[in-house]
């Protein structure tokens, strides 16, 4: 099973890079022109999102620098230890909904400490790849297009984050 997953991971992106332009060619889509139009739209979107990105990065920095993340981790870690979840992943699980960059930094620290082939290293890698940055998405994307009433987006995003956390733990315990 491990070798199958390794081969799928190795070939997924090259196959997509071949398949998508080939499909566009078959459907007679002007690939280069479509790419340039998308890049132009992406650039204008990037310019609109800079203020929201700056605000989110400052908020995440304040959260980490204030010690709030460590305090939260110290409160929750005894419960995690009772159910067999490594407490070392907690800072990553808390930070992932807030900031992808900060979560990646925490994942890097965890992998340096425990090793990439350790259970904790594999678990944090799985979590990094299977969840999204809920508050980053809400702040940046919703803010840049002017959505002010998020309604159920926060609850849905956090539920998805929690679900991916539990699924990552279950999959890693099953696979590794």
N, C-alpha and C. Protein backbone atom coordinates (compact mmCIF):
# COMPACT_ATOMS: atom_id res chain seq x y z
N UNK A 1 0.83 -1.19 0.00
CA UNK A 1 0.00 0.00 0.00
C UNK A 1 0.87 1.26 0.00
N UNK A 2 1.95 1.21 0.78
CA UNK A 2 2.85 2.37 0.87
C UNK A 2 3.46 2.67 -0.50
N UNK A 3 3.85 1.63 -1.22
CA UNK A 3 4.47 1.82 -2.55
C UNK A 3 3.46 2.38 -3.54
N UNK A 4 2.21 1.95 -3.46
CA UNK A 4 1.16 2.47 -4.34
C UNK A 4 0.96 3.98 -4.11
N UNK A 5 0.88 4.36 -2.85
CA UNK A 5 0.72 5.79 -2.53
C UNK A 5 1.93 6.57 -3.00
N UNK A 6 3.10 6.02 -2.84
CA UNK A 6 4.33 6.68 -3.29
C UNK A 6 4.32 6.88 -4.81
N UNK A 7 3.89 5.88 -5.56
CA UNK A 7 3.84 6.00 -7.03
C UNK A 7 2.77 6.99 -7.48
N UNK A 8 1.63 6.98 -6.85
CA UNK A 8 0.58 7.95 -7.19
C UNK A 8 1.08 9.36 -6.92
N UNK A 9 1.72 9.57 -5.79
CA UNK A 9 2.26 10.89 -5.46
C UNK A 9 3.31 11.33 -6.47
N UNK A 10 4.14 10.42 -6.90
CA UNK A 10 5.22 10.74 -7.83
C UNK A 10 4.69 11.15 -9.20
N UNK A 11 3.59 10.53 -9.65
CA UNK A 11 3.12 10.75 -11.01
C UNK A 11 1.91 11.68 -11.13
N UNK A 12 1.30 12.10 -10.05
CA UNK A 12 0.07 12.88 -10.11
C UNK A 12 0.26 14.21 -10.84
N UNK A 13 1.25 14.98 -10.48
CA UNK A 13 1.44 16.30 -11.10
C UNK A 13 1.90 16.17 -12.56
N UNK A 14 2.89 15.32 -12.89
CA UNK A 14 3.23 15.21 -14.31
C UNK A 14 2.06 14.77 -15.19
N UNK A 15 1.23 13.86 -14.69
CA UNK A 15 0.07 13.43 -15.47
C UNK A 15 -0.90 14.59 -15.68
N UNK A 16 -1.14 15.37 -14.62
CA UNK A 16 -2.03 16.54 -14.76
C UNK A 16 -1.44 17.56 -15.73
N UNK A 17 -0.14 17.80 -15.66
CA UNK A 17 0.49 18.76 -16.56
C UNK A 17 0.43 18.31 -18.02
N UNK A 18 0.35 17.04 -18.24
CA UNK A 18 0.17 16.53 -19.60
C UNK A 18 -1.30 16.50 -19.99
N UNK A 19 -2.16 16.05 -19.08
CA UNK A 19 -3.57 15.84 -19.38
C UNK A 19 -4.33 17.15 -19.64
N UNK A 20 -4.11 18.17 -18.84
CA UNK A 20 -4.89 19.41 -18.97
C UNK A 20 -4.63 20.11 -20.30
N UNK A 21 -3.37 20.35 -20.70
CA UNK A 21 -3.17 20.96 -22.03
C UNK A 21 -3.64 20.07 -23.18
N UNK A 22 -3.51 18.76 -23.01
CA UNK A 22 -3.99 17.85 -24.05
C UNK A 22 -5.50 17.93 -24.19
N UNK A 23 -6.20 17.97 -23.09
CA UNK A 23 -7.66 18.12 -23.12
C UNK A 23 -8.05 19.46 -23.73
N UNK A 24 -7.34 20.52 -23.37
CA UNK A 24 -7.62 21.84 -23.95
C UNK A 24 -7.39 21.83 -25.46
N UNK A 25 -6.33 21.17 -25.90
CA UNK A 25 -6.04 21.07 -27.33
C UNK A 25 -7.15 20.33 -28.06
N UNK A 26 -7.62 19.23 -27.47
CA UNK A 26 -8.69 18.44 -28.08
C UNK A 26 -9.97 19.26 -28.18
N UNK A 27 -10.25 20.07 -27.16
CA UNK A 27 -11.46 20.90 -27.15
C UNK A 27 -11.27 22.22 -27.90
N UNK A 28 -10.09 22.40 -28.51
CA UNK A 28 -9.75 23.59 -29.30
C UNK A 28 -9.80 24.89 -28.48
N UNK A 29 -9.37 24.79 -27.23
CA UNK A 29 -9.26 25.96 -26.36
C UNK A 29 -7.91 26.62 -26.63
N UNK A 30 -7.87 27.92 -26.84
CA UNK A 30 -6.58 28.60 -27.04
C UNK A 30 -5.82 28.65 -25.70
N UNK A 31 -4.94 27.70 -25.49
CA UNK A 31 -4.31 27.49 -24.19
C UNK A 31 -3.51 28.71 -23.74
N UNK A 32 -2.65 29.22 -24.59
CA UNK A 32 -1.79 30.34 -24.18
C UNK A 32 -2.62 31.59 -23.87
N UNK A 33 -3.55 31.92 -24.75
CA UNK A 33 -4.38 33.10 -24.53
C UNK A 33 -5.21 32.98 -23.26
N UNK A 34 -5.74 31.80 -23.02
CA UNK A 34 -6.52 31.55 -21.81
C UNK A 34 -5.64 31.68 -20.57
N UNK A 35 -4.42 31.17 -20.66
CA UNK A 35 -3.48 31.30 -19.55
C UNK A 35 -3.17 32.76 -19.26
N UNK A 36 -2.92 33.56 -20.31
CA UNK A 36 -2.59 34.97 -20.12
C UNK A 36 -3.77 35.72 -19.51
N UNK A 37 -4.99 35.44 -19.96
CA UNK A 37 -6.18 36.08 -19.36
C UNK A 37 -6.30 35.73 -17.88
N UNK A 38 -6.07 34.48 -17.56
CA UNK A 38 -6.14 34.06 -16.15
C UNK A 38 -5.06 34.70 -15.31
N UNK A 39 -3.86 34.83 -15.87
CA UNK A 39 -2.76 35.47 -15.14
C UNK A 39 -3.07 36.94 -14.90
N UNK A 40 -3.67 37.61 -15.89
CA UNK A 40 -4.04 39.02 -15.73
C UNK A 40 -5.09 39.18 -14.63
N UNK A 41 -6.09 38.33 -14.64
CA UNK A 41 -7.13 38.39 -13.60
C UNK A 41 -6.52 38.07 -12.22
N UNK A 42 -5.60 37.11 -12.18
CA UNK A 42 -4.94 36.77 -10.92
C UNK A 42 -4.12 37.92 -10.37
N UNK A 43 -3.46 38.66 -11.26
CA UNK A 43 -2.66 39.79 -10.82
C UNK A 43 -3.54 40.87 -10.21
N UNK A 44 -4.65 41.18 -10.85
CA UNK A 44 -5.54 42.22 -10.29
C UNK A 44 -6.15 41.75 -8.96
N UNK A 45 -6.44 40.47 -8.85
CA UNK A 45 -6.94 39.94 -7.57
C UNK A 45 -5.87 40.04 -6.50
N UNK A 46 -4.64 39.75 -6.85
CA UNK A 46 -3.54 39.84 -5.88
C UNK A 46 -3.39 41.26 -5.35
N UNK A 47 -3.52 42.24 -6.21
CA UNK A 47 -3.41 43.64 -5.78
C UNK A 47 -4.53 43.98 -4.80
N UNK A 48 -5.75 43.48 -5.05
CA UNK A 48 -6.87 43.77 -4.16
C UNK A 48 -6.74 43.08 -2.80
N UNK A 49 -6.02 41.95 -2.76
CA UNK A 49 -5.96 41.18 -1.52
C UNK A 49 -4.82 41.61 -0.59
N UNK A 50 -3.92 42.44 -1.03
CA UNK A 50 -2.76 42.80 -0.20
C UNK A 50 -3.16 43.39 1.16
N UNK A 51 -4.11 44.33 1.24
CA UNK A 51 -4.46 44.85 2.58
C UNK A 51 -5.01 43.77 3.52
N UNK A 52 -5.82 42.86 2.99
CA UNK A 52 -6.39 41.80 3.82
C UNK A 52 -5.31 40.81 4.24
N UNK A 53 -4.39 40.52 3.35
CA UNK A 53 -3.27 39.64 3.67
C UNK A 53 -2.40 40.22 4.78
N UNK A 54 -2.11 41.51 4.67
CA UNK A 54 -1.30 42.19 5.69
C UNK A 54 -1.99 42.12 7.05
N UNK A 55 -3.29 42.40 7.09
CA UNK A 55 -4.03 42.36 8.34
C UNK A 55 -4.00 40.96 8.96
N UNK A 56 -4.17 39.92 8.14
CA UNK A 56 -4.17 38.57 8.66
C UNK A 56 -2.80 38.17 9.19
N UNK A 57 -1.75 38.53 8.48
CA UNK A 57 -0.40 38.19 8.93
C UNK A 57 -0.06 38.88 10.25
N UNK A 58 -0.49 40.12 10.41
CA UNK A 58 -0.26 40.83 11.67
C UNK A 58 -1.02 40.16 12.80
N UNK A 59 -2.27 39.77 12.55
CA UNK A 59 -3.06 39.11 13.59
C UNK A 59 -2.43 37.78 14.02
N UNK A 60 -1.95 37.00 13.06
CA UNK A 60 -1.31 35.72 13.38
C UNK A 60 -0.02 35.95 14.17
N UNK A 61 0.74 36.95 13.78
CA UNK A 61 1.98 37.26 14.49
C UNK A 61 1.70 37.65 15.93
N UNK A 62 0.68 38.44 16.16
CA UNK A 62 0.30 38.84 17.51
C UNK A 62 -0.13 37.62 18.32
N UNK A 63 -0.90 36.73 17.69
CA UNK A 63 -1.38 35.51 18.37
C UNK A 63 -0.20 34.66 18.84
N UNK A 64 0.79 34.47 17.98
CA UNK A 64 1.95 33.66 18.34
C UNK A 64 2.86 34.38 19.34
N UNK A 65 3.13 35.66 19.10
CA UNK A 65 4.08 36.40 19.95
C UNK A 65 3.53 36.63 21.36
N UNK A 66 2.22 36.70 21.50
CA UNK A 66 1.63 36.95 22.81
C UNK A 66 1.69 35.74 23.73
N UNK A 67 1.97 34.58 23.16
CA UNK A 67 1.98 33.36 23.96
C UNK A 67 0.63 32.69 24.05
N UNK A 68 -0.36 33.23 23.34
CA UNK A 68 -1.71 32.66 23.39
C UNK A 68 -1.74 31.24 22.83
N UNK A 69 -0.95 30.98 21.80
CA UNK A 69 -0.94 29.64 21.23
C UNK A 69 -0.36 28.63 22.21
N UNK A 70 0.71 28.98 22.89
CA UNK A 70 1.32 28.07 23.86
C UNK A 70 0.38 27.83 25.04
N UNK A 71 -0.33 28.86 25.45
CA UNK A 71 -1.29 28.73 26.55
C UNK A 71 -2.42 27.78 26.15
N UNK A 72 -2.95 27.96 24.96
CA UNK A 72 -4.00 27.09 24.46
C UNK A 72 -3.51 25.65 24.36
N UNK A 73 -2.30 25.48 23.87
CA UNK A 73 -1.72 24.13 23.74
C UNK A 73 -1.56 23.46 25.10
N UNK A 74 -1.15 24.22 26.10
CA UNK A 74 -0.97 23.64 27.44
C UNK A 74 -2.30 23.22 28.05
N UNK A 75 -3.39 23.89 27.71
CA UNK A 75 -4.70 23.53 28.23
C UNK A 75 -5.24 22.25 27.58
N UNK A 76 -4.99 22.11 26.28
CA UNK A 76 -5.60 21.00 25.54
C UNK A 76 -4.74 19.73 25.55
N UNK A 77 -3.44 19.84 25.72
CA UNK A 77 -2.56 18.68 25.59
C UNK A 77 -2.88 17.53 26.55
N UNK A 78 -3.31 17.74 27.80
CA UNK A 78 -3.65 16.59 28.65
C UNK A 78 -4.79 15.74 28.08
N UNK A 79 -5.75 16.38 27.46
CA UNK A 79 -6.87 15.63 26.86
C UNK A 79 -6.37 14.81 25.68
N UNK A 80 -5.50 15.40 24.86
CA UNK A 80 -4.96 14.68 23.71
C UNK A 80 -4.15 13.47 24.14
N UNK A 81 -3.36 13.64 25.17
CA UNK A 81 -2.54 12.52 25.66
C UNK A 81 -3.40 11.36 26.14
N UNK A 82 -4.56 11.66 26.73
CA UNK A 82 -5.45 10.61 27.23
C UNK A 82 -6.02 9.78 26.08
N UNK A 83 -6.26 10.39 24.91
CA UNK A 83 -6.85 9.65 23.79
C UNK A 83 -5.80 9.16 22.79
N UNK A 84 -4.52 9.33 23.11
CA UNK A 84 -3.46 8.78 22.28
C UNK A 84 -3.05 9.63 21.09
N UNK A 85 -3.35 10.90 21.14
CA UNK A 85 -2.94 11.81 20.06
C UNK A 85 -1.69 12.55 20.54
N UNK A 86 -0.63 12.55 19.74
CA UNK A 86 0.60 13.23 20.17
C UNK A 86 0.36 14.73 20.37
N UNK A 87 0.71 15.22 21.54
CA UNK A 87 0.50 16.63 21.86
C UNK A 87 1.40 17.54 21.02
N UNK A 88 2.44 16.96 20.41
CA UNK A 88 3.36 17.76 19.60
C UNK A 88 2.69 18.36 18.37
N UNK A 89 1.59 17.76 17.92
CA UNK A 89 0.91 18.28 16.73
C UNK A 89 -0.05 19.43 17.05
N UNK A 90 -0.30 19.66 18.31
CA UNK A 90 -1.28 20.66 18.71
C UNK A 90 -0.99 22.06 18.19
N UNK A 91 0.24 22.58 18.29
CA UNK A 91 0.48 23.91 17.73
C UNK A 91 0.15 23.99 16.24
N UNK A 92 0.44 22.93 15.51
CA UNK A 92 0.12 22.91 14.08
C UNK A 92 -1.40 22.88 13.88
N UNK A 93 -2.09 22.05 14.65
CA UNK A 93 -3.55 21.95 14.51
C UNK A 93 -4.23 23.27 14.84
N UNK A 94 -3.69 24.01 15.79
CA UNK A 94 -4.26 25.31 16.16
C UNK A 94 -3.94 26.36 15.10
N UNK A 95 -2.73 26.33 14.57
CA UNK A 95 -2.30 27.37 13.64
C UNK A 95 -2.80 27.15 12.23
N UNK A 96 -3.06 25.93 11.83
CA UNK A 96 -3.44 25.65 10.44
C UNK A 96 -4.68 26.42 9.98
N UNK A 97 -5.74 26.54 10.77
CA UNK A 97 -6.87 27.34 10.31
C UNK A 97 -6.56 28.84 10.19
N UNK A 98 -5.49 29.29 10.83
CA UNK A 98 -5.17 30.71 10.84
C UNK A 98 -4.23 31.12 9.71
N UNK A 99 -3.15 30.37 9.53
CA UNK A 99 -2.14 30.78 8.58
C UNK A 99 -1.39 29.58 8.03
N UNK A 100 -1.38 29.45 6.71
CA UNK A 100 -0.66 28.36 6.08
C UNK A 100 0.83 28.48 6.27
N UNK A 101 1.36 29.70 6.17
CA UNK A 101 2.79 29.92 6.34
C UNK A 101 3.26 29.60 7.75
N UNK A 102 2.51 30.07 8.73
CA UNK A 102 2.87 29.79 10.12
C UNK A 102 2.75 28.29 10.41
N UNK A 103 1.70 27.66 9.88
CA UNK A 103 1.53 26.22 10.08
C UNK A 103 2.66 25.44 9.41
N UNK A 104 3.09 25.89 8.25
CA UNK A 104 4.21 25.23 7.57
C UNK A 104 5.49 25.37 8.38
N UNK A 105 5.69 26.54 8.98
CA UNK A 105 6.86 26.74 9.84
C UNK A 105 6.82 25.82 11.05
N UNK A 106 5.66 25.67 11.64
CA UNK A 106 5.51 24.77 12.79
C UNK A 106 5.72 23.32 12.34
N UNK A 107 5.18 22.96 11.19
CA UNK A 107 5.36 21.60 10.67
C UNK A 107 6.84 21.33 10.43
N UNK A 108 7.55 22.31 9.90
CA UNK A 108 8.99 22.16 9.66
C UNK A 108 9.74 21.92 10.97
N UNK A 109 9.38 22.69 12.00
CA UNK A 109 10.01 22.50 13.31
C UNK A 109 9.73 21.11 13.87
N UNK A 110 8.49 20.66 13.74
CA UNK A 110 8.12 19.33 14.24
C UNK A 110 8.88 18.24 13.50
N UNK A 111 8.99 18.39 12.18
CA UNK A 111 9.70 17.39 11.38
C UNK A 111 11.20 17.40 11.71
N UNK A 112 11.77 18.58 11.95
CA UNK A 112 13.18 18.64 12.34
C UNK A 112 13.40 17.95 13.69
N UNK A 113 12.46 18.12 14.60
CA UNK A 113 12.58 17.53 15.93
C UNK A 113 12.39 16.01 15.91
N UNK A 114 11.35 15.55 15.22
CA UNK A 114 10.98 14.13 15.29
C UNK A 114 11.44 13.32 14.08
N UNK A 115 11.76 13.99 12.98
CA UNK A 115 12.16 13.29 11.76
C UNK A 115 10.99 13.12 10.81
N UNK A 116 11.26 13.13 9.51
CA UNK A 116 10.18 13.04 8.53
C UNK A 116 9.51 11.68 8.47
N UNK A 117 10.19 10.63 8.88
CA UNK A 117 9.61 9.30 8.82
C UNK A 117 9.01 8.85 10.15
N UNK A 118 9.01 9.74 11.14
CA UNK A 118 8.37 9.39 12.41
C UNK A 118 6.86 9.51 12.26
N UNK A 119 6.14 8.92 13.20
CA UNK A 119 4.68 9.02 13.17
C UNK A 119 4.23 10.47 13.23
N UNK A 120 4.84 11.24 14.12
CA UNK A 120 4.47 12.65 14.28
C UNK A 120 4.80 13.43 13.00
N UNK A 121 5.95 13.15 12.39
CA UNK A 121 6.32 13.82 11.15
C UNK A 121 5.35 13.53 10.03
N UNK A 122 4.98 12.28 9.90
CA UNK A 122 4.01 11.90 8.86
C UNK A 122 2.63 12.47 9.16
N UNK A 123 2.26 12.48 10.41
CA UNK A 123 0.96 13.02 10.80
C UNK A 123 0.87 14.51 10.50
N UNK A 124 1.87 15.27 10.88
CA UNK A 124 1.83 16.70 10.64
C UNK A 124 1.90 17.01 9.14
N UNK A 125 2.60 16.17 8.38
CA UNK A 125 2.63 16.35 6.92
C UNK A 125 1.27 16.08 6.31
N UNK A 126 0.59 15.06 6.79
CA UNK A 126 -0.75 14.74 6.31
C UNK A 126 -1.72 15.86 6.65
N UNK A 127 -1.60 16.37 7.87
CA UNK A 127 -2.47 17.49 8.28
C UNK A 127 -2.21 18.72 7.42
N UNK A 128 -0.96 19.00 7.15
CA UNK A 128 -0.60 20.18 6.36
C UNK A 128 -1.20 20.08 4.96
N UNK A 129 -1.20 18.90 4.40
CA UNK A 129 -1.67 18.74 3.04
C UNK A 129 -3.17 18.54 2.89
N UNK A 130 -3.86 18.26 3.98
CA UNK A 130 -5.28 17.92 3.85
C UNK A 130 -6.23 18.94 4.44
N UNK A 131 -5.72 20.01 5.00
CA UNK A 131 -6.61 21.01 5.57
C UNK A 131 -6.33 22.37 4.94
N UNK A 132 -7.20 23.30 5.22
CA UNK A 132 -7.04 24.63 4.64
C UNK A 132 -7.00 25.67 5.74
N UNK A 133 -6.67 26.87 5.35
CA UNK A 133 -6.55 27.98 6.29
C UNK A 133 -7.86 28.75 6.33
N UNK A 134 -8.76 28.31 7.17
CA UNK A 134 -10.13 28.82 7.21
C UNK A 134 -10.18 30.34 7.38
N UNK A 135 -9.53 30.85 8.40
CA UNK A 135 -9.62 32.29 8.66
C UNK A 135 -8.87 33.10 7.61
N UNK A 136 -7.82 32.53 7.08
CA UNK A 136 -7.10 33.19 5.99
C UNK A 136 -8.01 33.32 4.77
N UNK A 137 -8.70 32.24 4.43
CA UNK A 137 -9.62 32.26 3.29
C UNK A 137 -10.74 33.26 3.52
N UNK A 138 -11.31 33.23 4.72
CA UNK A 138 -12.40 34.16 5.00
C UNK A 138 -11.93 35.61 4.95
N UNK A 139 -10.80 35.89 5.56
CA UNK A 139 -10.30 37.25 5.60
C UNK A 139 -9.88 37.73 4.22
N UNK A 140 -9.09 36.94 3.57
CA UNK A 140 -8.50 37.37 2.31
C UNK A 140 -9.50 37.34 1.16
N UNK A 141 -10.09 36.21 0.91
CA UNK A 141 -10.93 36.08 -0.27
C UNK A 141 -12.30 36.72 -0.08
N UNK A 142 -12.91 36.48 1.06
CA UNK A 142 -14.21 37.11 1.29
C UNK A 142 -14.05 38.62 1.38
N UNK A 143 -13.01 39.08 2.08
CA UNK A 143 -12.78 40.51 2.22
C UNK A 143 -12.47 41.19 0.90
N UNK A 144 -11.71 40.53 0.04
CA UNK A 144 -11.31 41.17 -1.21
C UNK A 144 -12.47 41.32 -2.19
N UNK A 145 -13.50 40.51 -2.05
CA UNK A 145 -14.66 40.66 -2.93
C UNK A 145 -15.83 41.33 -2.23
N UNK A 146 -15.61 41.78 -0.99
CA UNK A 146 -16.60 42.58 -0.30
C UNK A 146 -17.66 41.82 0.47
N UNK A 147 -17.46 40.54 0.74
CA UNK A 147 -18.44 39.79 1.52
C UNK A 147 -18.22 40.12 2.99
N UNK A 148 -19.23 40.64 3.64
CA UNK A 148 -19.11 41.04 5.04
C UNK A 148 -19.85 40.10 5.99
N UNK A 149 -20.87 39.42 5.51
CA UNK A 149 -21.63 38.50 6.36
C UNK A 149 -21.24 37.07 5.98
N UNK A 150 -20.46 36.45 6.83
CA UNK A 150 -19.93 35.13 6.52
C UNK A 150 -20.94 34.01 6.75
N UNK A 151 -21.97 34.29 7.50
CA UNK A 151 -23.00 33.32 7.86
C UNK A 151 -22.41 32.05 8.42
N UNK A 152 -22.51 30.97 7.69
CA UNK A 152 -22.07 29.67 8.18
C UNK A 152 -20.66 29.30 7.74
N UNK A 153 -19.97 30.21 7.08
CA UNK A 153 -18.65 29.89 6.54
C UNK A 153 -17.64 29.56 7.63
N UNK A 154 -17.66 30.28 8.74
CA UNK A 154 -16.71 30.01 9.83
C UNK A 154 -16.96 28.64 10.43
N UNK A 155 -18.21 28.35 10.75
CA UNK A 155 -18.55 27.05 11.34
C UNK A 155 -18.24 25.92 10.36
N UNK A 156 -18.57 26.10 9.10
CA UNK A 156 -18.29 25.07 8.09
C UNK A 156 -16.79 24.85 7.94
N UNK A 157 -16.04 25.94 7.87
CA UNK A 157 -14.59 25.82 7.72
C UNK A 157 -13.93 25.15 8.91
N UNK A 158 -14.32 25.54 10.12
CA UNK A 158 -13.74 24.93 11.31
C UNK A 158 -14.15 23.48 11.47
N UNK A 159 -15.38 23.15 11.06
CA UNK A 159 -15.81 21.75 11.07
C UNK A 159 -14.97 20.93 10.10
N UNK A 160 -14.70 21.49 8.93
CA UNK A 160 -13.85 20.81 7.95
C UNK A 160 -12.43 20.65 8.49
N UNK A 161 -11.92 21.68 9.15
CA UNK A 161 -10.58 21.58 9.75
C UNK A 161 -10.52 20.49 10.80
N UNK A 162 -11.51 20.42 11.65
CA UNK A 162 -11.55 19.40 12.70
C UNK A 162 -11.69 18.00 12.08
N UNK A 163 -12.52 17.91 11.05
CA UNK A 163 -12.71 16.63 10.37
C UNK A 163 -11.41 16.15 9.74
N UNK A 164 -10.67 17.06 9.10
CA UNK A 164 -9.41 16.66 8.49
C UNK A 164 -8.37 16.30 9.56
N UNK A 165 -8.43 16.93 10.71
CA UNK A 165 -7.54 16.57 11.81
C UNK A 165 -7.80 15.14 12.25
N UNK A 166 -9.05 14.82 12.49
CA UNK A 166 -9.41 13.46 12.93
C UNK A 166 -9.10 12.45 11.83
N UNK A 167 -9.42 12.79 10.56
CA UNK A 167 -9.15 11.87 9.46
C UNK A 167 -7.64 11.65 9.29
N UNK A 168 -6.85 12.71 9.44
CA UNK A 168 -5.39 12.57 9.34
C UNK A 168 -4.85 11.64 10.41
N UNK A 169 -5.35 11.79 11.62
CA UNK A 169 -4.91 10.92 12.72
C UNK A 169 -5.30 9.48 12.44
N UNK A 170 -6.53 9.26 12.01
CA UNK A 170 -6.99 7.90 11.74
C UNK A 170 -6.21 7.27 10.58
N UNK A 171 -6.00 8.03 9.51
CA UNK A 171 -5.28 7.50 8.35
C UNK A 171 -3.83 7.19 8.70
N UNK A 172 -3.21 8.10 9.43
CA UNK A 172 -1.80 7.86 9.81
C UNK A 172 -1.67 6.68 10.77
N UNK A 173 -2.61 6.52 11.69
CA UNK A 173 -2.55 5.36 12.59
C UNK A 173 -2.77 4.07 11.79
N UNK A 174 -3.61 4.13 10.79
CA UNK A 174 -3.89 2.96 9.97
C UNK A 174 -2.71 2.63 9.04
N UNK A 175 -2.14 3.66 8.42
CA UNK A 175 -1.09 3.46 7.42
C UNK A 175 0.30 3.28 8.03
N UNK A 176 0.59 3.96 9.12
CA UNK A 176 1.95 3.99 9.64
C UNK A 176 1.99 3.40 11.04
